[in-house]
Amino acid sequence: MHSIFTIFAVTGLVASLAILVHYLCLSWLSRLLARMDMFHRFRIVIGVFGTLFAHLVEVWMFALAYYWMHHTPNWGYFEGNFAGTLLDCSYFSITTFTTLGFGDIEPHGALRYLTGIEALTGLVLITWTASFLFLEMQRRWNVKR
């Protein structure tokens, strides 16, 4: 079994990388949308696609961590409708990230801690995206161009 420090370190690293990816994406999108010279409402569509892409990257970061942990001794395992594939890990990750949690896959061991942190991180990043898009709409929705 891994020490609590190791579990916190791995989990903290994955969550920190997801937060960093999100910050960089929103920062880049903010600069891009301000420079775009096109129909003003279409900028918001670009923002939505950009943030969805960021969320997918973040989900896959957690999925890779689940895959690694599941296939490495003493990190825990998944039970239920789970065959151990990377696709299974990405499915579990997206249901956890969005806090949907179907319940057809159950984590055991240290994997449970990463699951809880992913749900919390996903909640924060999704609301950060909603705030970002709201502010962009407020800034640019009624601009005449």
C-alpha atoms as a PDB file:
ATOM      1  CA  MET A   1       0.000   0.000   0.000  1.00  0.00           C
ATOM      2  CA  HIS A   2       1.220   3.493  -0.817  1.00  0.00           C
ATOM      3  CA  SER A   3       1.722   6.144   1.834  1.00  0.00           C
ATOM      4  CA  ILE A   4      -0.840   8.890   2.250  1.00  0.00           C
ATOM      5  CA  PHE A   5       1.828  11.355   1.099  1.00  0.00           C
ATOM      6  CA  THR A   6       2.304   9.478  -2.192  1.00  0.00           C
ATOM      7  CA  ILE A   7      -1.449   9.317  -2.767  1.00  0.00           C
ATOM      8  CA  PHE A   8      -1.819  13.068  -2.061  1.00  0.00           C
ATOM      9  CA  ALA A   9       1.161  13.871  -4.296  1.00  0.00           C
ATOM     10  CA  VAL A  10      -0.094  11.917  -7.311  1.00  0.00           C
ATOM     11  CA  THR A  11      -3.645  13.181  -6.903  1.00  0.00           C
ATOM     12  CA  GLY A  12      -2.460  16.758  -6.362  1.00  0.00           C
ATOM     13  CA  LEU A  13      -0.247  16.585  -9.436  1.00  0.00           C
ATOM     14  CA  VAL A  14      -3.071  15.408 -11.715  1.00  0.00           C
ATOM     15  CA  ALA A  15      -5.526  18.011 -10.358  1.00  0.00           C
ATOM     16  CA  SER A  16      -2.917  20.790 -10.567  1.00  0.00           C
ATOM     17  CA  LEU A  17      -2.126  19.940 -14.182  1.00  0.00           C
ATOM     18  CA  ALA A  18      -5.837  19.992 -15.045  1.00  0.00           C
ATOM     19  CA  ILE A  19      -6.214  23.417 -13.414  1.00  0.00           C
ATOM     20  CA  LEU A  20      -3.145  24.704 -15.261  1.00  0.00           C
ATOM     21  CA  VAL A  21      -4.480  23.435 -18.603  1.00  0.00           C
ATOM     22  CA  HIS A  22      -7.774  25.175 -17.896  1.00  0.00           C
ATOM     23  CA  TYR A  23      -6.127  28.455 -16.946  1.00  0.00           C
ATOM     24  CA  LEU A  24      -3.945  28.424 -20.069  1.00  0.00           C
ATOM     25  CA  CYS A  25      -6.921  27.619 -22.299  1.00  0.00           C
ATOM     26  CA  LEU A  26      -9.100  30.391 -20.860  1.00  0.00           C
ATOM     27  CA  SER A  27      -6.226  32.865 -21.034  1.00  0.00           C
ATOM     28  CA  TRP A  28      -5.562  31.977 -24.681  1.00  0.00           C
ATOM     29  CA  LEU A  29      -9.276  32.083 -25.553  1.00  0.00           C
ATOM     30  CA  SER A  30      -9.668  35.472 -23.891  1.00  0.00           C
ATOM     31  CA  ARG A  31      -6.890  36.947 -26.040  1.00  0.00           C
ATOM     32  CA  LEU A  32      -8.145  35.187 -29.185  1.00  0.00           C
ATOM     33  CA  LEU A  33     -11.751  36.325 -28.798  1.00  0.00           C
ATOM     34  CA  ALA A  34     -10.675  39.929 -28.258  1.00  0.00           C
ATOM     35  CA  ARG A  35      -8.691  39.900 -31.539  1.00  0.00           C
ATOM     36  CA  MET A  36     -11.241  38.088 -33.704  1.00  0.00           C
ATOM     37  CA  ASP A  37     -12.741  40.248 -36.405  1.00  0.00           C
ATOM     38  CA  MET A  38     -15.923  38.394 -37.256  1.00  0.00           C
ATOM     39  CA  PHE A  39     -19.582  38.240 -36.374  1.00  0.00           C
ATOM     40  CA  HIS A  40     -19.585  39.020 -32.669  1.00  0.00           C
ATOM     41  CA  ARG A  41     -21.889  36.196 -31.563  1.00  0.00           C
ATOM     42  CA  PHE A  42     -19.815  33.608 -33.408  1.00  0.00           C
ATOM     43  CA  ARG A  43     -16.957  34.430 -31.024  1.00  0.00           C
ATOM     44  CA  ILE A  44     -18.971  32.837 -28.241  1.00  0.00           C
ATOM     45  CA  VAL A  45     -19.292  29.629 -30.270  1.00  0.00           C
ATOM     46  CA  ILE A  46     -15.503  29.598 -30.607  1.00  0.00           C
ATOM     47  CA  GLY A  47     -15.317  30.050 -26.823  1.00  0.00           C
ATOM     48  CA  VAL A  48     -17.669  27.124 -26.221  1.00  0.00           C
ATOM     49  CA  PHE A  49     -15.707  24.801 -28.501  1.00  0.00           C
ATOM     50  CA  GLY A  50     -12.423  25.928 -26.955  1.00  0.00           C
ATOM     51  CA  THR A  51     -13.587  25.277 -23.416  1.00  0.00           C
ATOM     52  CA  LEU A  52     -15.093  21.911 -24.370  1.00  0.00           C
ATOM     53  CA  PHE A  53     -11.736  20.941 -25.823  1.00  0.00           C
ATOM     54  CA  ALA A  54     -10.029  21.990 -22.569  1.00  0.00           C
ATOM     55  CA  HIS A  55     -12.455  19.884 -20.543  1.00  0.00           C
ATOM     56  CA  LEU A  56     -11.802  16.867 -22.770  1.00  0.00           C
ATOM     57  CA  VAL A  57      -8.047  17.244 -22.275  1.00  0.00           C
ATOM     58  CA  GLU A  58      -8.581  17.462 -18.512  1.00  0.00           C
ATOM     59  CA  VAL A  59     -10.851  14.401 -18.480  1.00  0.00           C
ATOM     60  CA  TRP A  60      -8.253  12.417 -20.417  1.00  0.00           C
ATOM     61  CA  MET A  61      -5.539  13.498 -17.973  1.00  0.00           C
ATOM     62  CA  PHE A  62      -7.542  11.933 -15.152  1.00  0.00           C
ATOM     63  CA  ALA A  63      -8.348   8.906 -17.342  1.00  0.00           C
ATOM     64  CA  LEU A  64      -4.650   8.283 -17.951  1.00  0.00           C
ATOM     65  CA  ALA A  65      -4.016   8.516 -14.209  1.00  0.00           C
ATOM     66  CA  TYR A  66      -6.812   5.999 -13.542  1.00  0.00           C
ATOM     67  CA  TYR A  67      -5.439   3.680 -16.201  1.00  0.00           C
ATOM     68  CA  TRP A  68      -1.933   3.883 -14.747  1.00  0.00           C
ATOM     69  CA  MET A  69      -3.131   3.429 -11.160  1.00  0.00           C
ATOM     70  CA  HIS A  70      -5.417   0.530 -12.076  1.00  0.00           C
ATOM     71  CA  HIS A  71      -2.611  -1.299 -13.864  1.00  0.00           C
ATOM     72  CA  THR A  72       0.041  -0.583 -11.207  1.00  0.00           C
ATOM     73  CA  PRO A  73       0.118  -2.727  -8.059  1.00  0.00           C
ATOM     74  CA  ASN A  74      -1.233  -1.383  -4.764  1.00  0.00           C
ATOM     75  CA  TRP A  75      -3.164   1.628  -6.136  1.00  0.00           C
ATOM     76  CA  GLY A  76      -6.533  -0.078  -6.100  1.00  0.00           C
ATOM     77  CA  TYR A  77      -8.867  -1.399  -8.730  1.00  0.00           C
ATOM     78  CA  PHE A  78     -12.215  -0.825 -10.403  1.00  0.00           C
ATOM     79  CA  GLU A  79     -15.171  -3.133 -10.038  1.00  0.00           C
ATOM     80  CA  GLY A  80     -18.407  -3.409 -11.985  1.00  0.00           C
ATOM     81  CA  ASN A  81     -18.896  -2.696 -15.671  1.00  0.00           C
ATOM     82  CA  PHE A  82     -15.153  -2.240 -16.219  1.00  0.00           C
ATOM     83  CA  ALA A  83     -12.755  -4.179 -18.450  1.00  0.00           C
ATOM     84  CA  GLY A  84      -9.604  -2.173 -17.635  1.00  0.00           C
ATOM     85  CA  THR A  85      -9.290  -0.424 -20.995  1.00  0.00           C
ATOM     86  CA  LEU A  86      -8.313   3.206 -21.484  1.00  0.00           C
ATOM     87  CA  LEU A  87     -11.784   3.811 -22.908  1.00  0.00           C
ATOM     88  CA  ASP A  88     -13.341   2.465 -19.700  1.00  0.00           C
ATOM     89  CA  CYS A  89     -11.118   4.822 -17.713  1.00  0.00           C
ATOM     90  CA  SER A  90     -12.157   7.775 -19.874  1.00  0.00           C
ATOM     91  CA  TYR A  91     -15.837   6.891 -19.447  1.00  0.00           C
ATOM     92  CA  PHE A  92     -15.381   6.707 -15.691  1.00  0.00           C
ATOM     93  CA  SER A  93     -13.436   9.972 -15.743  1.00  0.00           C
ATOM     94  CA  ILE A  94     -16.073  11.925 -17.661  1.00  0.00           C
ATOM     95  CA  THR A  95     -18.880  10.709 -15.395  1.00  0.00           C
ATOM     96  CA  THR A  96     -16.787  11.659 -12.375  1.00  0.00           C
ATOM     97  CA  PHE A  97     -15.572  15.029 -13.763  1.00  0.00           C
ATOM     98  CA  THR A  98     -19.128  16.099 -14.531  1.00  0.00           C
ATOM     99  CA  THR A  99     -20.329  14.683 -11.176  1.00  0.00           C
ATOM    100  CA  LEU A 100     -22.871  12.595 -13.094  1.00  0.00           C
ATOM    101  CA  GLY A 101     -21.596   9.336 -11.614  1.00  0.00           C
ATOM    102  CA  PHE A 102     -23.740   6.550 -13.071  1.00  0.00           C
ATOM    103  CA  GLY A 103     -22.537   4.114 -10.425  1.00  0.00           C
ATOM    104  CA  ASP A 104     -21.837   1.238 -12.786  1.00  0.00           C
ATOM    105  CA  ILE A 105     -18.111   1.360 -11.955  1.00  0.00           C
ATOM    106  CA  GLU A 106     -16.857   1.392  -8.370  1.00  0.00           C
ATOM    107  CA  PRO A 107     -13.285   2.382  -7.422  1.00  0.00           C
ATOM    108  CA  HIS A 108     -11.445   0.710  -4.547  1.00  0.00           C
ATOM    109  CA  GLY A 109      -8.258   1.617  -2.739  1.00  0.00           C
ATOM    110  CA  ALA A 110      -6.318   4.806  -3.426  1.00  0.00           C
ATOM    111  CA  LEU A 111      -8.281   5.265  -6.658  1.00  0.00           C
ATOM    112  CA  ARG A 112     -11.189   6.487  -4.530  1.00  0.00           C
ATOM    113  CA  TYR A 113      -9.227   9.539  -3.422  1.00  0.00           C
ATOM    114  CA  LEU A 114      -8.445  10.536  -7.019  1.00  0.00           C
ATOM    115  CA  THR A 115     -12.145  10.068  -7.841  1.00  0.00           C
ATOM    116  CA  GLY A 116     -13.235  12.514  -5.149  1.00  0.00           C
ATOM    117  CA  ILE A 117     -10.617  15.076  -6.154  1.00  0.00           C
ATOM    118  CA  GLU A 118     -11.628  14.769  -9.816  1.00  0.00           C
ATOM    119  CA  ALA A 119     -15.285  15.434  -8.975  1.00  0.00           C
ATOM    120  CA  LEU A 120     -14.329  18.520  -6.976  1.00  0.00           C
ATOM    121  CA  THR A 121     -11.916  19.721  -9.668  1.00  0.00           C
ATOM    122  CA  GLY A 122     -14.485  19.146 -12.407  1.00  0.00           C
ATOM    123  CA  LEU A 123     -17.121  21.093 -10.503  1.00  0.00           C
ATOM    124  CA  VAL A 124     -14.771  24.050 -10.063  1.00  0.00           C
ATOM    125  CA  LEU A 125     -13.526  23.998 -13.669  1.00  0.00           C
ATOM    126  CA  ILE A 126     -17.012  23.682 -15.152  1.00  0.00           C
ATOM    127  CA  THR A 127     -18.246  26.651 -13.106  1.00  0.00           C
ATOM    128  CA  TRP A 128     -15.111  28.584 -14.075  1.00  0.00           C
ATOM    129  CA  THR A 129     -15.995  27.912 -17.718  1.00  0.00           C
ATOM    130  CA  ALA A 130     -19.584  29.047 -17.176  1.00  0.00           C
ATOM    131  CA  SER A 131     -18.372  32.281 -15.586  1.00  0.00           C
ATOM    132  CA  PHE A 132     -15.878  32.857 -18.396  1.00  0.00           C
ATOM    133  CA  LEU A 133     -18.502  32.327 -21.111  1.00  0.00           C
ATOM    134  CA  PHE A 134     -21.024  34.508 -19.280  1.00  0.00           C
ATOM    135  CA  LEU A 135     -18.519  37.367 -19.072  1.00  0.00           C
ATOM    136  CA  GLU A 136     -17.566  36.944 -22.730  1.00  0.00           C
ATOM    137  CA  MET A 137     -21.237  37.031 -23.733  1.00  0.00           C
ATOM    138  CA  GLN A 138     -21.820  40.078 -21.575  1.00  0.00           C
ATOM    139  CA  ARG A 139     -18.835  41.819 -23.187  1.00  0.00           C
ATOM    140  CA  ARG A 140     -19.523  40.919 -26.789  1.00  0.00           C
ATOM    141  CA  TRP A 141     -23.153  39.848 -27.288  1.00  0.00           C
ATOM    142  CA  ASN A 142     -24.644  43.240 -28.150  1.00  0.00           C
ATOM    143  CA  VAL A 143     -21.605  44.728 -29.864  1.00  0.00           C
ATOM    144  CA  LYS A 144     -22.598  46.088 -33.283  1.00  0.00           C
ATOM    145  CA  ARG A 145     -20.326  44.892 -36.024  1.00  0.00           C
END
